[in-house]
PDB file of all heavy atoms in Angstrom:
ATOM      1  N   VAL A   1       0.865  -1.185  -0.006  1.00  0.00           N
ATOM      2  CA  VAL A   1       0.003  -0.003  -0.004  1.00  0.00           C
ATOM      3  C   VAL A   1       0.903   1.219   0.001  1.00  0.00           C
ATOM      4  O   VAL A   1       2.112   1.136   0.270  1.00  0.00           O
ATOM      5  CB  VAL A   1      -0.936   0.023   1.229  1.00  0.00           C
ATOM      6  CG1 VAL A   1      -1.862  -1.164   1.227  1.00  0.00           C
ATOM      7  CG2 VAL A   1      -0.136   0.069   2.529  1.00  0.00           C
ATOM      8  N   GLU A   2       0.304   2.353  -0.303  1.00  0.00           N
ATOM      9  CA  GLU A   2       1.066   3.607  -0.266  1.00  0.00           C
ATOM     10  C   GLU A   2       1.526   3.891   1.158  1.00  0.00           C
ATOM     11  O   GLU A   2       0.830   3.578   2.123  1.00  0.00           O
ATOM     12  CB  GLU A   2       0.207   4.745  -0.790  1.00  0.00           C
ATOM     13  CG  GLU A   2      -0.208   4.620  -2.254  1.00  0.00           C
ATOM     14  CD  GLU A   2      -1.112   5.751  -2.669  1.00  0.00           C
ATOM     15  OE1 GLU A   2      -1.295   6.683  -1.855  1.00  0.00           O
ATOM     16  OE2 GLU A   2      -1.638   5.705  -3.798  1.00  0.00           O
ATOM     17  N   ARG A   3       2.691   4.509   1.255  1.00  0.00           N
ATOM     18  CA  ARG A   3       3.217   4.843   2.563  1.00  0.00           C
ATOM     19  C   ARG A   3       2.313   5.818   3.273  1.00  0.00           C
ATOM     20  O   ARG A   3       1.831   6.787   2.677  1.00  0.00           O
ATOM     21  CB  ARG A   3       4.622   5.431   2.437  1.00  0.00           C
ATOM     22  CG  ARG A   3       5.246   5.784   3.767  1.00  0.00           C
ATOM     23  CD  ARG A   3       6.627   6.389   3.600  1.00  0.00           C
ATOM     24  NE  ARG A   3       7.191   6.790   4.869  1.00  0.00           N
ATOM     25  CZ  ARG A   3       8.352   7.404   5.017  1.00  0.00           C
ATOM     26  NH1 ARG A   3       9.082   7.683   3.937  1.00  0.00           N
ATOM     27  NH2 ARG A   3       8.806   7.719   6.211  1.00  0.00           N
ATOM     28  N   ILE A   4       2.043   5.574   4.544  1.00  0.00           N
ATOM     29  CA  ILE A   4       1.202   6.456   5.348  1.00  0.00           C
ATOM     30  C   ILE A   4       2.112   7.369   6.170  1.00  0.00           C
ATOM     31  O   ILE A   4       2.884   6.910   7.000  1.00  0.00           O
ATOM     32  CB  ILE A   4       0.280   5.655   6.289  1.00  0.00           C
ATOM     33  CG1 ILE A   4      -0.538   4.635   5.480  1.00  0.00           C
ATOM     34  CG2 ILE A   4      -0.616   6.580   7.084  1.00  0.00           C
ATOM     35  CD1 ILE A   4      -1.269   3.665   6.357  1.00  0.00           C
ATOM     36  N   ARG A   5       2.050   8.644   5.908  1.00  0.00           N
ATOM     37  CA  ARG A   5       2.912   9.595   6.608  1.00  0.00           C
ATOM     38  C   ARG A   5       2.265  10.060   7.922  1.00  0.00           C
ATOM     39  O   ARG A   5       1.037  10.056   8.052  1.00  0.00           O
ATOM     40  CB  ARG A   5       3.220  10.792   5.703  1.00  0.00           C
ATOM     41  CG  ARG A   5       3.944  10.419   4.410  1.00  0.00           C
ATOM     42  CD  ARG A   5       4.301  11.639   3.578  1.00  0.00           C
ATOM     43  NE  ARG A   5       4.958  11.236   2.328  1.00  0.00           N
ATOM     44  CZ  ARG A   5       6.250  10.973   2.214  1.00  0.00           C
ATOM     45  NH1 ARG A   5       7.013  11.052   3.290  1.00  0.00           N
ATOM     46  NH2 ARG A   5       6.761  10.611   1.056  1.00  0.00           N
ATOM     47  N   ASP A   6       3.080  10.445   8.847  1.00  0.00           N
ATOM     48  CA  ASP A   6       2.598  10.975  10.134  1.00  0.00           C
ATOM     49  C   ASP A   6       1.634  10.005  10.795  1.00  0.00           C
ATOM     50  O   ASP A   6       0.534  10.370  11.252  1.00  0.00           O
ATOM     51  CB  ASP A   6       1.917  12.323   9.935  1.00  0.00           C
ATOM     52  CG  ASP A   6       2.837  13.351   9.288  1.00  0.00           C
ATOM     53  OD1 ASP A   6       4.026  13.356   9.654  1.00  0.00           O
ATOM     54  OD2 ASP A   6       2.364  14.121   8.427  1.00  0.00           O
ATOM     55  N   THR A   7       2.039   8.753  10.860  1.00  0.00           N
ATOM     56  CA  THR A   7       1.127   7.721  11.352  1.00  0.00           C
ATOM     57  C   THR A   7       0.711   7.947  12.807  1.00  0.00           C
ATOM     58  O   THR A   7      -0.436   7.656  13.192  1.00  0.00           O
ATOM     59  CB  THR A   7       1.762   6.325  11.224  1.00  0.00           C
ATOM     60  OG1 THR A   7       3.039   6.343  11.871  1.00  0.00           O
ATOM     61  CG2 THR A   7       1.958   5.959   9.782  1.00  0.00           C
ATOM     62  N   HIS A   8       1.616   8.467  13.640  1.00  0.00           N
ATOM     63  CA  HIS A   8       1.266   8.643  15.061  1.00  0.00           C
ATOM     64  C   HIS A   8       0.263   9.765  15.277  1.00  0.00           C
ATOM     65  O   HIS A   8      -0.440   9.804  16.293  1.00  0.00           O
ATOM     66  CB  HIS A   8       2.533   8.883  15.872  1.00  0.00           C
ATOM     67  CG  HIS A   8       3.412   7.681  16.001  1.00  0.00           C
ATOM     68  ND1 HIS A   8       3.139   6.629  16.849  1.00  0.00           N
ATOM     69  CD2 HIS A   8       4.566   7.345  15.372  1.00  0.00           C
ATOM     70  CE1 HIS A   8       4.090   5.708  16.749  1.00  0.00           C
ATOM     71  NE2 HIS A   8       4.960   6.120  15.844  1.00  0.00           N
ATOM     72  N   GLU A   9       0.206  10.676  14.327  1.00  0.00           N
ATOM     73  CA  GLU A   9      -0.766  11.772  14.443  1.00  0.00           C
ATOM     74  C   GLU A   9      -2.070  11.475  13.713  1.00  0.00           C
ATOM     75  O   GLU A   9      -3.046  12.237  13.834  1.00  0.00           O
ATOM     76  CB  GLU A   9      -0.158  13.080  13.889  1.00  0.00           C
ATOM     77  CG  GLU A   9       0.964  13.678  14.765  1.00  0.00           C
ATOM     78  CD  GLU A   9       2.230  12.882  14.676  1.00  0.00           C
ATOM     79  OE1 GLU A   9       2.555  12.375  13.582  1.00  0.00           O
ATOM     80  OE2 GLU A   9       2.890  12.712  15.718  1.00  0.00           O
ATOM     81  N   THR A  10      -2.091  10.420  12.914  1.00  0.00           N
ATOM     82  CA  THR A  10      -3.260  10.100  12.105  1.00  0.00           C
ATOM     83  C   THR A  10      -4.370   9.523  12.975  1.00  0.00           C
ATOM     84  O   THR A  10      -4.125   8.677  13.817  1.00  0.00           O
ATOM     85  CB  THR A  10      -2.862   9.099  11.000  1.00  0.00           C
ATOM     86  OG1 THR A  10      -1.803   9.654  10.234  1.00  0.00           O
ATOM     87  CG2 THR A  10      -4.053   8.805  10.098  1.00  0.00           C
ATOM     88  N   LYS A  11      -5.570   9.980  12.744  1.00  0.00           N
ATOM     89  CA  LYS A  11      -6.719   9.544  13.574  1.00  0.00           C
ATOM     90  C   LYS A  11      -7.581   8.515  12.898  1.00  0.00           C
ATOM     91  O   LYS A  11      -8.277   7.743  13.551  1.00  0.00           O
ATOM     92  CB  LYS A  11      -7.574  10.768  13.942  1.00  0.00           C
ATOM     93  CG  LYS A  11      -6.816  11.883  14.637  1.00  0.00           C
ATOM     94  CD  LYS A  11      -6.166  11.381  15.911  1.00  0.00           C
ATOM     95  CE  LYS A  11      -5.412  12.511  16.624  1.00  0.00           C
ATOM     96  NZ  LYS A  11      -4.692  12.021  17.806  1.00  0.00           N
ATOM     97  N   ARG A  12      -7.590   8.492  11.545  1.00  0.00           N
ATOM     98  CA  ARG A  12      -8.494   7.581  10.866  1.00  0.00           C
ATOM     99  C   ARG A  12      -7.959   7.297   9.460  1.00  0.00           C
ATOM    100  O   ARG A  12      -7.388   8.171   8.799  1.00  0.00           O
ATOM    101  CB  ARG A  12      -9.915   8.174  10.758  1.00  0.00           C
ATOM    102  CG  ARG A  12     -10.950   7.262  10.151  1.00  0.00           C
ATOM    103  CD  ARG A  12     -12.315   7.911  10.218  1.00  0.00           C
ATOM    104  NE  ARG A  12     -12.362   9.137   9.408  1.00  0.00           N
ATOM    105  CZ  ARG A  12     -13.037   9.233   8.275  1.00  0.00           C
ATOM    106  NH1 ARG A  12     -13.764   8.244   7.843  1.00  0.00           N
ATOM    107  NH2 ARG A  12     -13.017  10.354   7.590  1.00  0.00           N
ATOM    108  N   ILE A  13      -8.158   6.086   8.998  1.00  0.00           N
ATOM    109  CA  ILE A  13      -7.752   5.728   7.618  1.00  0.00           C
ATOM    110  C   ILE A  13      -8.746   4.703   7.080  1.00  0.00           C
ATOM    111  O   ILE A  13      -9.273   3.882   7.817  1.00  0.00           O
ATOM    112  CB  ILE A  13      -6.313   5.201   7.556  1.00  0.00           C
ATOM    113  CG1 ILE A  13      -5.855   5.121   6.078  1.00  0.00           C
ATOM    114  CG2 ILE A  13      -6.192   3.853   8.219  1.00  0.00           C
ATOM    115  CD1 ILE A  13      -4.368   4.906   5.934  1.00  0.00           C
ATOM    116  N   THR A  14      -8.967   4.800   5.774  1.00  0.00           N
ATOM    117  CA  THR A  14      -9.855   3.847   5.112  1.00  0.00           C
ATOM    118  C   THR A  14      -9.074   3.111   4.032  1.00  0.00           C
ATOM    119  O   THR A  14      -8.396   3.731   3.215  1.00  0.00           O
ATOM    120  CB  THR A  14     -11.089   4.558   4.478  1.00  0.00           C
ATOM    121  OG1 THR A  14     -11.828   5.165   5.521  1.00  0.00           O
ATOM    122  CG2 THR A  14     -11.948   3.569   3.711  1.00  0.00           C
ATOM    123  N   TYR A  15      -9.199   1.791   4.072  1.00  0.00           N
ATOM    124  CA  TYR A  15      -8.582   0.938   3.062  1.00  0.00           C
ATOM    125  C   TYR A  15      -9.671   0.392   2.129  1.00  0.00           C
ATOM    126  O   TYR A  15     -10.763   0.028   2.592  1.00  0.00           O
ATOM    127  CB  TYR A  15      -7.860  -0.252   3.704  1.00  0.00           C
ATOM    128  CG  TYR A  15      -6.594   0.110   4.425  1.00  0.00           C
ATOM    129  CD1 TYR A  15      -6.626   0.503   5.756  1.00  0.00           C
ATOM    130  CD2 TYR A  15      -5.373   0.069   3.786  1.00  0.00           C
ATOM    131  CE1 TYR A  15      -5.471   0.819   6.439  1.00  0.00           C
ATOM    132  CE2 TYR A  15      -4.208   0.390   4.428  1.00  0.00           C
ATOM    133  CZ  TYR A  15      -4.265   0.774   5.768  1.00  0.00           C
ATOM    134  OH  TYR A  15      -3.093   1.092   6.418  1.00  0.00           O
ATOM    135  N   ARG A  16      -9.362   0.368   0.829  1.00  0.00           N
ATOM    136  CA  ARG A  16     -10.255  -0.291  -0.109  1.00  0.00           C
ATOM    137  C   ARG A  16      -9.628  -1.628  -0.511  1.00  0.00           C
ATOM    138  O   ARG A  16      -8.486  -1.670  -0.966  1.00  0.00           O
ATOM    139  CB  ARG A  16     -10.482   0.579  -1.350  1.00  0.00           C
ATOM    140  CG  ARG A  16     -11.367  -0.106  -2.414  1.00  0.00           C
ATOM    141  CD  ARG A  16     -11.775   0.883  -3.469  1.00  0.00           C
ATOM    142  NE  ARG A  16     -12.678   1.895  -2.905  1.00  0.00           N
ATOM    143  CZ  ARG A  16     -13.053   2.990  -3.569  1.00  0.00           C
ATOM    144  NH1 ARG A  16     -12.577   3.248  -4.771  1.00  0.00           N
ATOM    145  NH2 ARG A  16     -13.886   3.842  -3.015  1.00  0.00           N
ATOM    146  N   ILE A  17     -10.345  -2.685  -0.279  1.00  0.00           N
ATOM    147  CA  ILE A  17      -9.810  -4.049  -0.488  1.00  0.00           C
ATOM    148  C   ILE A  17     -10.625  -4.748  -1.587  1.00  0.00           C
ATOM    149  O   ILE A  17     -11.868  -4.756  -1.537  1.00  0.00           O
ATOM    150  CB  ILE A  17      -9.889  -4.890   0.807  1.00  0.00           C
ATOM    151  CG1 ILE A  17      -9.106  -4.187   1.923  1.00  0.00           C
ATOM    152  CG2 ILE A  17      -9.342  -6.294   0.579  1.00  0.00           C
ATOM    153  CD1 ILE A  17      -9.210  -4.862   3.249  1.00  0.00           C
ATOM    154  N   THR A  18      -9.913  -5.323  -2.549  1.00  0.00           N
ATOM    155  CA  THR A  18     -10.572  -6.070  -3.632  1.00  0.00           C
ATOM    156  C   THR A  18     -10.027  -7.497  -3.669  1.00  0.00           C
ATOM    157  O   THR A  18      -8.805  -7.694  -3.687  1.00  0.00           O
ATOM    158  CB  THR A  18     -10.315  -5.388  -4.988  1.00  0.00           C
ATOM    159  OG1 THR A  18     -10.850  -4.070  -4.950  1.00  0.00           O
ATOM    160  CG2 THR A  18     -10.961  -6.175  -6.120  1.00  0.00           C
ATOM    161  N   ILE A  19     -10.915  -8.479  -3.677  1.00  0.00           N
ATOM    162  CA  ILE A  19     -10.551  -9.875  -3.849  1.00  0.00           C
ATOM    163  C   ILE A  19     -11.385 -10.390  -5.011  1.00  0.00           C
ATOM    164  O   ILE A  19     -12.620 -10.489  -4.915  1.00  0.00           O
ATOM    165  CB  ILE A  19     -10.825 -10.714  -2.614  1.00  0.00           C
ATOM    166  CG1 ILE A  19     -10.144 -10.111  -1.387  1.00  0.00           C
ATOM    167  CG2 ILE A  19     -10.362 -12.162  -2.836  1.00  0.00           C
ATOM    168  CD1 ILE A  19     -10.407 -10.878  -0.090  1.00  0.00           C
ATOM    169  N   PRO A  20     -10.797 -10.700  -6.146  1.00  0.00           N
ATOM    170  CA  PRO A  20     -11.561 -11.182  -7.307  1.00  0.00           C
ATOM    171  C   PRO A  20     -12.442 -12.390  -6.946  1.00  0.00           C
ATOM    172  O   PRO A  20     -11.979 -13.345  -6.321  1.00  0.00           O
ATOM    173  CB  PRO A  20     -10.494 -11.553  -8.334  1.00  0.00           C
ATOM    174  CG  PRO A  20      -9.311 -10.705  -7.965  1.00  0.00           C
ATOM    175  CD  PRO A  20      -9.358 -10.611  -6.454  1.00  0.00           C
ATOM    176  N   ASP A  21     -13.702 -12.305  -7.337  1.00  0.00           N
ATOM    177  CA  ASP A  21     -14.653 -13.422  -7.184  1.00  0.00           C
ATOM    178  C   ASP A  21     -14.923 -13.773  -5.733  1.00  0.00           C
ATOM    179  O   ASP A  21     -15.325 -14.899  -5.434  1.00  0.00           O
ATOM    180  CB  ASP A  21     -14.208 -14.659  -7.946  1.00  0.00           C
ATOM    181  CG  ASP A  21     -13.976 -14.385  -9.428  1.00  0.00           C
ATOM    182  OD1 ASP A  21     -14.795 -13.651 -10.019  1.00  0.00           O
ATOM    183  OD2 ASP A  21     -12.985 -14.878  -9.982  1.00  0.00           O
ATOM    184  N   GLU A  22     -14.663 -12.854  -4.790  1.00  0.00           N
ATOM    185  CA  GLU A  22     -14.919 -13.160  -3.395  1.00  0.00           C
ATOM    186  C   GLU A  22     -15.217 -11.860  -2.657  1.00  0.00           C
ATOM    187  O   GLU A  22     -14.757 -10.791  -3.028  1.00  0.00           O
ATOM    188  CB  GLU A  22     -13.684 -13.831  -2.785  1.00  0.00           C
ATOM    189  CG  GLU A  22     -13.972 -14.549  -1.478  1.00  0.00           C
ATOM    190  CD  GLU A  22     -12.814 -15.451  -1.037  1.00  0.00           C
ATOM    191  OE1 GLU A  22     -11.941 -15.724  -1.887  1.00  0.00           O
ATOM    192  OE2 GLU A  22     -12.814 -15.869   0.110  1.00  0.00           O
ATOM    193  N   ASP A  23     -16.032 -11.957  -1.587  1.00  0.00           N
ATOM    194  CA  ASP A  23     -16.432 -10.797  -0.833  1.00  0.00           C
ATOM    195  C   ASP A  23     -15.451 -10.556   0.318  1.00  0.00           C
ATOM    196  O   ASP A  23     -15.444 -11.323   1.294  1.00  0.00           O
ATOM    197  CB  ASP A  23     -17.852 -11.015  -0.284  1.00  0.00           C
ATOM    198  CG  ASP A  23     -18.363  -9.822   0.487  1.00  0.00           C
ATOM    199  OD1 ASP A  23     -17.681  -8.778   0.479  1.00  0.00           O
ATOM    200  OD2 ASP A  23     -19.439  -9.924   1.117  1.00  0.00           O
ATOM    201  N   PRO A  24     -14.611  -9.522   0.257  1.00  0.00           N
ATOM    202  CA  PRO A  24     -13.651  -9.299   1.340  1.00  0.00           C
ATOM    203  C   PRO A  24     -14.305  -8.939   2.658  1.00  0.00           C
ATOM    204  O   PRO A  24     -13.751  -9.164   3.719  1.00  0.00           O
ATOM    205  CB  PRO A  24     -12.794  -8.144   0.821  1.00  0.00           C
ATOM    206  CG  PRO A  24     -13.632  -7.470  -0.204  1.00  0.00           C
ATOM    207  CD  PRO A  24     -14.469  -8.542  -0.831  1.00  0.00           C
ATOM    208  N   ALA A  25     -15.517  -8.395   2.617  1.00  0.00           N
ATOM    209  CA  ALA A  25     -16.211  -8.029   3.835  1.00  0.00           C
ATOM    210  C   ALA A  25     -16.447  -9.229   4.739  1.00  0.00           C
ATOM    211  O   ALA A  25     -16.562  -9.103   5.959  1.00  0.00           O
ATOM    212  CB  ALA A  25     -17.532  -7.329   3.523  1.00  0.00           C
ATOM    213  N   ALA A  26     -16.495 -10.419   4.134  1.00  0.00           N
ATOM    214  CA  ALA A  26     -16.745 -11.615   4.921  1.00  0.00           C
ATOM    215  C   ALA A  26     -15.513 -12.040   5.730  1.00  0.00           C
ATOM    216  O   ALA A  26     -15.626 -12.864   6.624  1.00  0.00           O
ATOM    217  CB  ALA A  26     -17.157 -12.773   3.992  1.00  0.00           C
TER     218      ALA A  26
END
């Protein structure tokens, strides 16, 4: 994934996950 800068000061992050032919939410 892209480098996350200032991680200790970061309060929230959202990742988008894709798995072909499968539901990652499961």
